[in-house]
């Protein structure tokens, strides 16, 4: 049984900046609904495809990085869905660069995310080719370890932004 679904992964990574710099023509309520729905769809798809366990999901919800193969592959699936890892199982820094201006208006925020993106590219250079699950684990670890250096908040505050409570 899942007790909550934190807006994870990309929203963990971009949540505050996405809200603060949503396109001005965008209705923020419908924008958040879209993001929440998209995250839930990706999460459900990747949970099924990876075979992630309750413990894997709980670790991710707590901001931890699972060490199990199913947990690492859950992260990989999500990163592929969001374009962080491409179809060739490579870190897609250029894809992230292309995506960022769609969500971030402020030059400083764009610059900070680009710096973090570059920093994490170096962290995964030595990952064995073809091991997409380990690549995803190392990327997520890098994002978590270095985001604050660039003024980026990694995890949303569940009490202030809520959660989705559901049972399976």
N, C-alpha and C. Protein backbone atom coordinates (compact mmCIF):
# COMPACT_ATOMS: atom_id res chain seq x y z
N UNK A 1 0.84 -1.17 0.00
CA UNK A 1 0.00 0.00 0.00
C UNK A 1 0.89 1.24 0.00
N UNK A 2 0.60 2.16 -0.85
CA UNK A 2 1.32 3.43 -0.86
C UNK A 2 0.56 4.41 0.01
N UNK A 3 1.25 5.11 0.84
CA UNK A 3 0.57 6.09 1.68
C UNK A 3 0.60 7.49 1.09
N UNK A 4 1.59 7.78 0.27
CA UNK A 4 1.61 9.08 -0.38
C UNK A 4 2.53 9.04 -1.59
N UNK A 5 2.31 9.96 -2.47
CA UNK A 5 3.15 10.10 -3.66
C UNK A 5 3.67 11.53 -3.69
N UNK A 6 4.91 11.70 -3.36
CA UNK A 6 5.49 13.04 -3.43
C UNK A 6 5.72 13.35 -4.89
N UNK A 7 5.44 14.55 -5.29
CA UNK A 7 5.76 14.95 -6.66
C UNK A 7 7.25 14.73 -6.80
N UNK A 8 7.61 13.70 -7.57
CA UNK A 8 8.98 13.23 -7.52
C UNK A 8 9.77 13.58 -8.75
N UNK A 9 11.02 13.18 -8.72
CA UNK A 9 11.95 13.25 -9.82
C UNK A 9 12.08 14.63 -10.40
N UNK A 10 11.60 14.83 -11.56
CA UNK A 10 11.76 16.14 -12.17
C UNK A 10 11.16 17.20 -11.30
N UNK A 11 10.00 16.94 -10.71
CA UNK A 11 9.42 17.95 -9.83
C UNK A 11 10.26 18.10 -8.59
N UNK A 12 10.84 17.01 -8.09
CA UNK A 12 11.77 17.16 -6.98
C UNK A 12 12.89 18.10 -7.38
N UNK A 13 13.33 17.94 -8.59
CA UNK A 13 14.47 18.70 -9.09
C UNK A 13 14.09 20.12 -9.46
N UNK A 14 12.93 20.31 -10.07
CA UNK A 14 12.57 21.61 -10.60
C UNK A 14 11.39 22.29 -9.92
N UNK A 15 10.76 21.67 -8.95
CA UNK A 15 9.45 22.10 -8.47
C UNK A 15 9.38 23.59 -8.14
N UNK A 16 10.24 24.05 -7.27
CA UNK A 16 10.13 25.45 -6.83
C UNK A 16 10.36 26.41 -7.98
N UNK A 17 11.34 26.11 -8.81
CA UNK A 17 11.63 27.00 -9.92
C UNK A 17 10.52 26.96 -10.96
N UNK A 18 9.90 25.83 -11.17
CA UNK A 18 8.80 25.74 -12.13
C UNK A 18 7.63 26.61 -11.70
N UNK A 19 7.31 26.56 -10.43
CA UNK A 19 6.19 27.36 -9.94
C UNK A 19 6.52 28.84 -10.01
N UNK A 20 7.72 29.19 -9.55
CA UNK A 20 8.10 30.60 -9.52
C UNK A 20 8.23 31.19 -10.91
N UNK A 21 8.57 30.36 -11.89
CA UNK A 21 8.83 30.93 -13.21
C UNK A 21 7.97 30.28 -14.29
N UNK A 22 6.78 29.84 -13.93
CA UNK A 22 5.85 29.32 -14.94
C UNK A 22 5.56 30.41 -15.95
N UNK A 23 5.37 30.04 -17.21
CA UNK A 23 5.08 31.06 -18.22
C UNK A 23 3.92 31.95 -17.78
N UNK A 24 4.02 33.26 -17.98
CA UNK A 24 3.00 34.17 -17.46
C UNK A 24 1.61 33.91 -18.03
N UNK A 25 1.53 33.39 -19.24
CA UNK A 25 0.22 33.14 -19.84
C UNK A 25 -0.41 31.86 -19.30
N UNK A 26 0.35 31.11 -18.54
CA UNK A 26 -0.12 29.83 -18.03
C UNK A 26 -0.92 30.04 -16.74
N UNK A 27 -2.09 29.47 -16.67
CA UNK A 27 -2.88 29.47 -15.44
C UNK A 27 -2.19 28.51 -14.47
N UNK A 28 -1.71 29.02 -13.35
CA UNK A 28 -0.90 28.24 -12.43
C UNK A 28 -1.63 27.01 -11.90
N UNK A 29 -2.92 27.11 -11.66
CA UNK A 29 -3.68 25.96 -11.15
C UNK A 29 -3.70 24.82 -12.16
N UNK A 30 -3.98 25.13 -13.41
CA UNK A 30 -4.01 24.07 -14.42
C UNK A 30 -2.60 23.56 -14.70
N UNK A 31 -1.62 24.43 -14.59
CA UNK A 31 -0.23 24.04 -14.77
C UNK A 31 0.18 23.03 -13.71
N UNK A 32 -0.14 23.31 -12.45
CA UNK A 32 0.19 22.39 -11.37
C UNK A 32 -0.57 21.08 -11.51
N UNK A 33 -1.81 21.15 -11.94
CA UNK A 33 -2.60 19.93 -12.15
C UNK A 33 -1.96 19.07 -13.23
N UNK A 34 -1.55 19.71 -14.33
CA UNK A 34 -0.87 18.98 -15.40
C UNK A 34 0.40 18.33 -14.87
N UNK A 35 1.23 19.09 -14.16
CA UNK A 35 2.48 18.53 -13.65
C UNK A 35 2.23 17.37 -12.70
N UNK A 36 1.27 17.52 -11.82
CA UNK A 36 0.95 16.46 -10.87
C UNK A 36 0.47 15.21 -11.58
N UNK A 37 -0.40 15.39 -12.56
CA UNK A 37 -0.92 14.25 -13.33
C UNK A 37 0.20 13.56 -14.09
N UNK A 38 1.06 14.35 -14.72
CA UNK A 38 2.17 13.79 -15.50
C UNK A 38 3.11 13.00 -14.59
N UNK A 39 3.43 13.53 -13.45
CA UNK A 39 4.32 12.84 -12.52
C UNK A 39 3.70 11.53 -12.06
N UNK A 40 2.42 11.56 -11.74
CA UNK A 40 1.75 10.34 -11.29
C UNK A 40 1.72 9.29 -12.40
N UNK A 41 1.46 9.70 -13.63
CA UNK A 41 1.44 8.77 -14.76
C UNK A 41 2.81 8.13 -14.96
N UNK A 42 3.85 8.96 -14.93
CA UNK A 42 5.21 8.45 -15.12
C UNK A 42 5.58 7.52 -13.97
N UNK A 43 5.24 7.93 -12.78
CA UNK A 43 5.57 7.12 -11.60
C UNK A 43 4.91 5.74 -11.69
N UNK A 44 3.63 5.70 -12.03
CA UNK A 44 2.91 4.42 -12.14
C UNK A 44 3.52 3.55 -13.24
N UNK A 45 3.79 4.14 -14.39
CA UNK A 45 4.38 3.41 -15.51
C UNK A 45 5.74 2.83 -15.12
N UNK A 46 6.57 3.64 -14.51
CA UNK A 46 7.92 3.21 -14.17
C UNK A 46 7.94 2.22 -13.01
N UNK A 47 7.00 2.36 -12.09
CA UNK A 47 6.88 1.38 -11.01
C UNK A 47 6.61 0.00 -11.60
N UNK A 48 5.69 -0.05 -12.53
CA UNK A 48 5.33 -1.33 -13.16
C UNK A 48 6.49 -1.87 -14.00
N UNK A 49 7.08 -1.02 -14.84
CA UNK A 49 8.15 -1.48 -15.73
C UNK A 49 9.39 -1.94 -14.98
N UNK A 50 9.72 -1.26 -13.89
CA UNK A 50 10.95 -1.58 -13.17
C UNK A 50 10.75 -2.69 -12.14
N UNK A 51 9.50 -2.92 -11.75
CA UNK A 51 9.23 -3.88 -10.69
C UNK A 51 9.62 -3.34 -9.32
N UNK A 52 9.62 -2.02 -9.19
CA UNK A 52 10.01 -1.37 -7.93
C UNK A 52 9.14 -1.88 -6.78
N UNK A 53 9.78 -2.08 -5.66
CA UNK A 53 9.10 -2.58 -4.47
C UNK A 53 8.57 -1.41 -3.63
N UNK A 54 7.78 -1.75 -2.64
CA UNK A 54 7.29 -0.73 -1.70
C UNK A 54 8.46 -0.02 -1.05
N UNK A 55 9.49 -0.77 -0.66
CA UNK A 55 10.67 -0.17 -0.02
C UNK A 55 11.38 0.80 -0.96
N UNK A 56 11.46 0.44 -2.26
CA UNK A 56 12.06 1.35 -3.24
C UNK A 56 11.28 2.66 -3.30
N UNK A 57 9.96 2.55 -3.39
CA UNK A 57 9.11 3.73 -3.50
C UNK A 57 9.18 4.58 -2.23
N UNK A 58 9.19 3.91 -1.10
CA UNK A 58 9.27 4.63 0.17
C UNK A 58 10.60 5.39 0.26
N UNK A 59 11.69 4.75 -0.16
CA UNK A 59 13.00 5.42 -0.15
C UNK A 59 12.97 6.65 -1.05
N UNK A 60 12.42 6.51 -2.24
CA UNK A 60 12.33 7.65 -3.15
C UNK A 60 11.47 8.76 -2.57
N UNK A 61 10.37 8.40 -1.95
CA UNK A 61 9.48 9.40 -1.35
C UNK A 61 10.17 10.15 -0.20
N UNK A 62 11.12 9.49 0.44
CA UNK A 62 11.85 10.12 1.54
C UNK A 62 13.09 10.86 1.06
N UNK A 63 13.29 10.90 -0.27
CA UNK A 63 14.45 11.60 -0.82
C UNK A 63 15.71 10.77 -0.81
N UNK A 64 15.57 9.47 -0.54
CA UNK A 64 16.73 8.58 -0.53
C UNK A 64 16.87 7.94 -1.91
N UNK A 65 18.03 7.41 -2.17
CA UNK A 65 18.27 6.74 -3.44
C UNK A 65 18.36 5.25 -3.18
N UNK A 66 17.43 4.48 -3.75
CA UNK A 66 17.44 3.03 -3.52
C UNK A 66 18.72 2.40 -4.06
N UNK A 67 19.19 1.39 -3.38
CA UNK A 67 20.38 0.66 -3.83
C UNK A 67 20.00 -0.61 -4.58
N UNK A 68 18.74 -1.00 -4.53
CA UNK A 68 18.32 -2.21 -5.24
C UNK A 68 18.29 -1.95 -6.74
N UNK A 69 18.43 -2.99 -7.50
CA UNK A 69 18.38 -2.85 -8.96
C UNK A 69 17.02 -2.32 -9.40
N UNK A 70 15.95 -2.81 -8.78
CA UNK A 70 14.62 -2.33 -9.17
C UNK A 70 14.44 -0.86 -8.84
N UNK A 71 14.98 -0.42 -7.72
CA UNK A 71 14.89 0.99 -7.35
C UNK A 71 15.69 1.88 -8.29
N UNK A 72 16.91 1.44 -8.62
CA UNK A 72 17.74 2.21 -9.56
C UNK A 72 17.08 2.27 -10.93
N UNK A 73 16.48 1.15 -11.35
CA UNK A 73 15.83 1.12 -12.66
C UNK A 73 14.55 1.96 -12.68
N UNK A 74 13.91 2.12 -11.53
CA UNK A 74 12.75 3.02 -11.43
C UNK A 74 13.20 4.45 -11.74
N UNK A 75 14.32 4.86 -11.15
CA UNK A 75 14.86 6.20 -11.41
C UNK A 75 15.21 6.33 -12.89
N UNK A 76 15.84 5.30 -13.46
CA UNK A 76 16.23 5.34 -14.88
C UNK A 76 15.01 5.51 -15.77
N UNK A 77 13.96 4.78 -15.50
CA UNK A 77 12.74 4.89 -16.29
C UNK A 77 12.19 6.31 -16.23
N UNK A 78 12.13 6.86 -15.03
CA UNK A 78 11.62 8.23 -14.89
C UNK A 78 12.51 9.23 -15.62
N UNK A 79 13.82 9.09 -15.48
CA UNK A 79 14.74 10.01 -16.16
C UNK A 79 14.59 9.90 -17.68
N UNK A 80 14.34 8.71 -18.17
CA UNK A 80 14.12 8.55 -19.61
C UNK A 80 12.81 9.20 -20.03
N UNK A 81 11.78 9.04 -19.24
CA UNK A 81 10.49 9.66 -19.55
C UNK A 81 10.59 11.18 -19.61
N UNK A 82 11.43 11.76 -18.76
CA UNK A 82 11.56 13.21 -18.69
C UNK A 82 12.66 13.76 -19.61
N UNK A 83 13.40 12.87 -20.28
CA UNK A 83 14.41 13.34 -21.22
C UNK A 83 15.76 13.65 -20.59
N UNK A 84 15.97 13.26 -19.36
CA UNK A 84 17.27 13.46 -18.72
C UNK A 84 18.26 12.42 -19.24
N UNK A 85 17.75 11.22 -19.50
CA UNK A 85 18.52 10.17 -20.15
C UNK A 85 17.83 9.90 -21.48
N UNK A 86 18.62 9.82 -22.56
CA UNK A 86 18.02 9.64 -23.88
C UNK A 86 17.82 8.17 -24.23
N UNK A 87 17.27 7.94 -25.44
CA UNK A 87 16.96 6.57 -25.87
C UNK A 87 18.20 5.70 -26.05
N UNK A 88 19.38 6.32 -26.12
CA UNK A 88 20.64 5.57 -26.21
C UNK A 88 21.24 5.30 -24.83
N UNK A 89 20.45 5.58 -23.80
CA UNK A 89 20.85 5.37 -22.41
C UNK A 89 22.05 6.23 -22.02
N UNK A 90 22.07 7.45 -22.51
CA UNK A 90 23.12 8.42 -22.19
C UNK A 90 22.50 9.63 -21.50
N UNK A 91 23.27 10.25 -20.64
CA UNK A 91 22.86 11.50 -20.00
C UNK A 91 22.72 12.54 -21.09
N UNK A 92 21.56 13.15 -21.20
CA UNK A 92 21.27 14.07 -22.30
C UNK A 92 21.32 15.52 -21.84
N UNK A 93 22.53 16.00 -21.62
CA UNK A 93 22.72 17.37 -21.17
C UNK A 93 22.10 18.37 -22.15
N UNK A 94 22.27 18.14 -23.44
CA UNK A 94 21.71 19.05 -24.44
C UNK A 94 20.19 19.04 -24.40
N UNK A 95 19.60 17.88 -24.16
CA UNK A 95 18.15 17.79 -24.04
C UNK A 95 17.64 18.60 -22.86
N UNK A 96 18.39 18.54 -21.76
CA UNK A 96 18.02 19.33 -20.58
C UNK A 96 18.15 20.81 -20.90
N UNK A 97 19.24 21.18 -21.56
CA UNK A 97 19.44 22.59 -21.94
C UNK A 97 18.28 23.09 -22.79
N UNK A 98 17.81 22.24 -23.71
CA UNK A 98 16.70 22.63 -24.58
C UNK A 98 15.39 22.77 -23.80
N UNK A 99 15.22 21.93 -22.78
CA UNK A 99 13.98 21.90 -22.02
C UNK A 99 13.88 23.07 -21.03
N UNK A 100 14.97 23.45 -20.43
CA UNK A 100 14.95 24.43 -19.34
C UNK A 100 14.25 25.75 -19.68
N UNK A 101 14.52 26.35 -20.84
CA UNK A 101 13.86 27.64 -21.12
C UNK A 101 12.33 27.56 -21.19
N UNK A 102 11.80 26.37 -21.40
CA UNK A 102 10.34 26.22 -21.42
C UNK A 102 9.75 26.43 -20.03
N UNK A 103 10.55 26.19 -19.00
CA UNK A 103 10.06 26.25 -17.64
C UNK A 103 10.64 27.39 -16.81
N UNK A 104 11.80 27.85 -17.18
CA UNK A 104 12.48 28.86 -16.37
C UNK A 104 12.66 30.14 -17.17
N UNK A 105 12.15 31.23 -16.63
CA UNK A 105 12.27 32.52 -17.32
C UNK A 105 13.50 33.28 -16.88
N UNK A 106 13.88 33.13 -15.65
CA UNK A 106 14.95 33.94 -15.10
C UNK A 106 16.32 33.42 -15.52
N UNK A 107 17.16 34.34 -15.99
CA UNK A 107 18.49 33.98 -16.45
C UNK A 107 19.32 33.31 -15.36
N UNK A 108 19.19 33.80 -14.13
CA UNK A 108 19.97 33.22 -13.03
C UNK A 108 19.57 31.77 -12.78
N UNK A 109 18.27 31.48 -12.79
CA UNK A 109 17.80 30.11 -12.59
C UNK A 109 18.29 29.21 -13.72
N UNK A 110 18.20 29.69 -14.96
CA UNK A 110 18.70 28.92 -16.10
C UNK A 110 20.18 28.64 -15.95
N UNK A 111 20.93 29.65 -15.59
CA UNK A 111 22.37 29.51 -15.43
C UNK A 111 22.71 28.51 -14.33
N UNK A 112 22.00 28.57 -13.21
CA UNK A 112 22.26 27.64 -12.12
C UNK A 112 21.96 26.20 -12.51
N UNK A 113 20.86 25.97 -13.21
CA UNK A 113 20.54 24.61 -13.65
C UNK A 113 21.56 24.11 -14.67
N UNK A 114 22.02 24.99 -15.53
CA UNK A 114 23.05 24.59 -16.51
C UNK A 114 24.34 24.21 -15.79
N UNK A 115 24.70 24.96 -14.78
CA UNK A 115 25.91 24.64 -14.01
C UNK A 115 25.78 23.28 -13.32
N UNK A 116 24.62 23.03 -12.73
CA UNK A 116 24.39 21.73 -12.09
C UNK A 116 24.41 20.61 -13.13
N UNK A 117 23.80 20.85 -14.26
CA UNK A 117 23.79 19.87 -15.35
C UNK A 117 25.22 19.54 -15.79
N UNK A 118 26.04 20.56 -15.95
CA UNK A 118 27.44 20.34 -16.33
C UNK A 118 28.20 19.60 -15.25
N UNK A 119 27.97 19.98 -14.01
CA UNK A 119 28.65 19.34 -12.88
C UNK A 119 28.34 17.85 -12.85
N UNK A 120 27.10 17.50 -13.07
CA UNK A 120 26.70 16.10 -12.99
C UNK A 120 27.12 15.30 -14.22
N UNK A 121 27.34 15.97 -15.32
CA UNK A 121 27.87 15.26 -16.50
C UNK A 121 29.23 14.65 -16.16
N UNK A 122 30.04 15.38 -15.45
CA UNK A 122 31.36 14.89 -15.06
C UNK A 122 31.25 13.70 -14.10
N UNK A 123 30.24 13.72 -13.26
CA UNK A 123 30.07 12.67 -12.25
C UNK A 123 29.71 11.32 -12.85
N UNK A 124 29.18 11.33 -14.06
CA UNK A 124 28.73 10.06 -14.65
C UNK A 124 29.58 9.62 -15.84
N UNK A 125 30.69 10.31 -16.08
CA UNK A 125 31.54 9.97 -17.22
C UNK A 125 32.05 8.53 -17.18
N UNK A 126 32.28 8.01 -15.99
CA UNK A 126 32.89 6.68 -15.87
C UNK A 126 31.89 5.55 -15.66
N UNK A 127 30.61 5.85 -15.77
CA UNK A 127 29.60 4.79 -15.63
C UNK A 127 29.72 3.87 -16.84
N UNK A 128 29.74 2.59 -16.56
CA UNK A 128 29.88 1.60 -17.62
C UNK A 128 28.76 1.75 -18.65
N UNK A 129 29.15 1.79 -19.91
CA UNK A 129 28.16 1.97 -20.98
C UNK A 129 27.13 0.84 -20.94
N UNK A 130 25.88 1.23 -21.07
CA UNK A 130 24.79 0.27 -21.09
C UNK A 130 24.14 0.05 -19.73
N UNK A 131 24.78 0.51 -18.66
CA UNK A 131 24.19 0.34 -17.33
C UNK A 131 23.35 1.56 -16.99
N UNK A 132 22.18 1.65 -17.62
CA UNK A 132 21.33 2.83 -17.49
C UNK A 132 20.82 3.01 -16.06
N UNK A 133 20.63 1.92 -15.35
CA UNK A 133 20.12 2.02 -13.98
C UNK A 133 21.17 2.64 -13.05
N UNK A 134 22.42 2.24 -13.22
CA UNK A 134 23.50 2.83 -12.42
C UNK A 134 23.73 4.29 -12.84
N UNK A 135 23.62 4.58 -14.11
CA UNK A 135 23.73 5.96 -14.59
C UNK A 135 22.69 6.84 -13.90
N UNK A 136 21.47 6.37 -13.85
CA UNK A 136 20.39 7.13 -13.21
C UNK A 136 20.66 7.33 -11.72
N UNK A 137 21.14 6.29 -11.05
CA UNK A 137 21.44 6.39 -9.62
C UNK A 137 22.51 7.45 -9.38
N UNK A 138 23.56 7.41 -10.18
CA UNK A 138 24.65 8.38 -10.00
C UNK A 138 24.20 9.80 -10.33
N UNK A 139 23.36 9.95 -11.33
CA UNK A 139 22.85 11.28 -11.66
C UNK A 139 22.01 11.84 -10.52
N UNK A 140 21.10 11.02 -10.02
CA UNK A 140 20.22 11.48 -8.93
C UNK A 140 21.06 11.84 -7.71
N UNK A 141 22.06 11.02 -7.42
CA UNK A 141 22.95 11.29 -6.29
C UNK A 141 23.68 12.63 -6.50
N UNK A 142 24.17 12.85 -7.70
CA UNK A 142 24.86 14.10 -8.01
C UNK A 142 23.92 15.29 -7.87
N UNK A 143 22.72 15.17 -8.42
CA UNK A 143 21.75 16.26 -8.31
C UNK A 143 21.50 16.60 -6.84
N UNK A 144 21.31 15.56 -6.03
CA UNK A 144 21.02 15.79 -4.61
C UNK A 144 22.20 16.40 -3.88
N UNK A 145 23.41 15.91 -4.19
CA UNK A 145 24.59 16.38 -3.47
C UNK A 145 24.98 17.81 -3.82
N UNK A 146 24.71 18.24 -5.04
CA UNK A 146 25.25 19.52 -5.50
C UNK A 146 24.22 20.60 -5.77
N UNK A 147 22.96 20.30 -5.70
CA UNK A 147 21.92 21.29 -6.02
C UNK A 147 22.03 22.54 -5.14
N UNK A 148 22.27 22.34 -3.86
CA UNK A 148 22.30 23.50 -2.95
C UNK A 148 23.46 24.45 -3.27
N UNK A 149 24.53 23.94 -3.88
CA UNK A 149 25.65 24.80 -4.27
C UNK A 149 25.20 25.86 -5.27
N UNK A 150 24.15 25.54 -6.00
CA UNK A 150 23.65 26.44 -7.04
C UNK A 150 22.31 27.07 -6.66
N UNK A 151 21.96 26.98 -5.38
CA UNK A 151 20.73 27.60 -4.90
C UNK A 151 19.47 26.89 -5.34
N UNK A 152 19.57 25.59 -5.59
CA UNK A 152 18.43 24.81 -6.07
C UNK A 152 17.93 23.93 -4.94
N UNK A 153 16.63 23.97 -4.68
CA UNK A 153 16.00 23.11 -3.68
C UNK A 153 15.58 21.82 -4.37
N UNK A 154 15.96 20.70 -3.79
CA UNK A 154 15.70 19.42 -4.44
C UNK A 154 14.36 18.80 -4.11
N UNK A 155 13.85 18.98 -2.91
CA UNK A 155 12.63 18.27 -2.53
C UNK A 155 11.58 19.24 -2.04
N UNK A 156 10.37 18.97 -2.46
CA UNK A 156 9.28 19.84 -2.04
C UNK A 156 8.94 19.59 -0.58
N UNK A 157 8.36 20.55 0.04
CA UNK A 157 7.90 20.47 1.42
C UNK A 157 6.47 19.92 1.39
N UNK A 158 6.33 18.68 1.78
CA UNK A 158 5.04 18.00 1.68
C UNK A 158 3.96 18.72 2.48
N UNK A 159 4.30 19.23 3.66
CA UNK A 159 3.29 19.89 4.48
C UNK A 159 2.76 21.15 3.82
N UNK A 160 3.60 21.87 3.12
CA UNK A 160 3.17 23.12 2.50
C UNK A 160 2.57 22.93 1.12
N UNK A 161 2.97 21.91 0.41
CA UNK A 161 2.48 21.73 -0.95
C UNK A 161 1.58 20.51 -1.10
N UNK A 162 1.43 19.73 -0.06
CA UNK A 162 0.48 18.63 -0.10
C UNK A 162 1.05 17.35 -0.70
N UNK A 163 0.23 16.34 -0.69
CA UNK A 163 0.60 15.06 -1.26
C UNK A 163 -0.66 14.38 -1.73
N UNK A 164 -0.46 13.35 -2.49
CA UNK A 164 -1.60 12.58 -2.99
C UNK A 164 -1.69 11.33 -2.12
N UNK A 165 -2.79 11.16 -1.46
CA UNK A 165 -2.99 10.02 -0.58
C UNK A 165 -3.87 9.01 -1.31
N UNK A 166 -3.37 7.82 -1.52
CA UNK A 166 -4.17 6.82 -2.21
C UNK A 166 -3.75 5.43 -1.75
N UNK A 167 -4.60 4.47 -2.01
CA UNK A 167 -4.33 3.09 -1.62
C UNK A 167 -4.41 2.20 -2.83
N UNK A 168 -3.61 1.15 -2.80
CA UNK A 168 -3.66 0.16 -3.89
C UNK A 168 -4.28 -1.10 -3.37
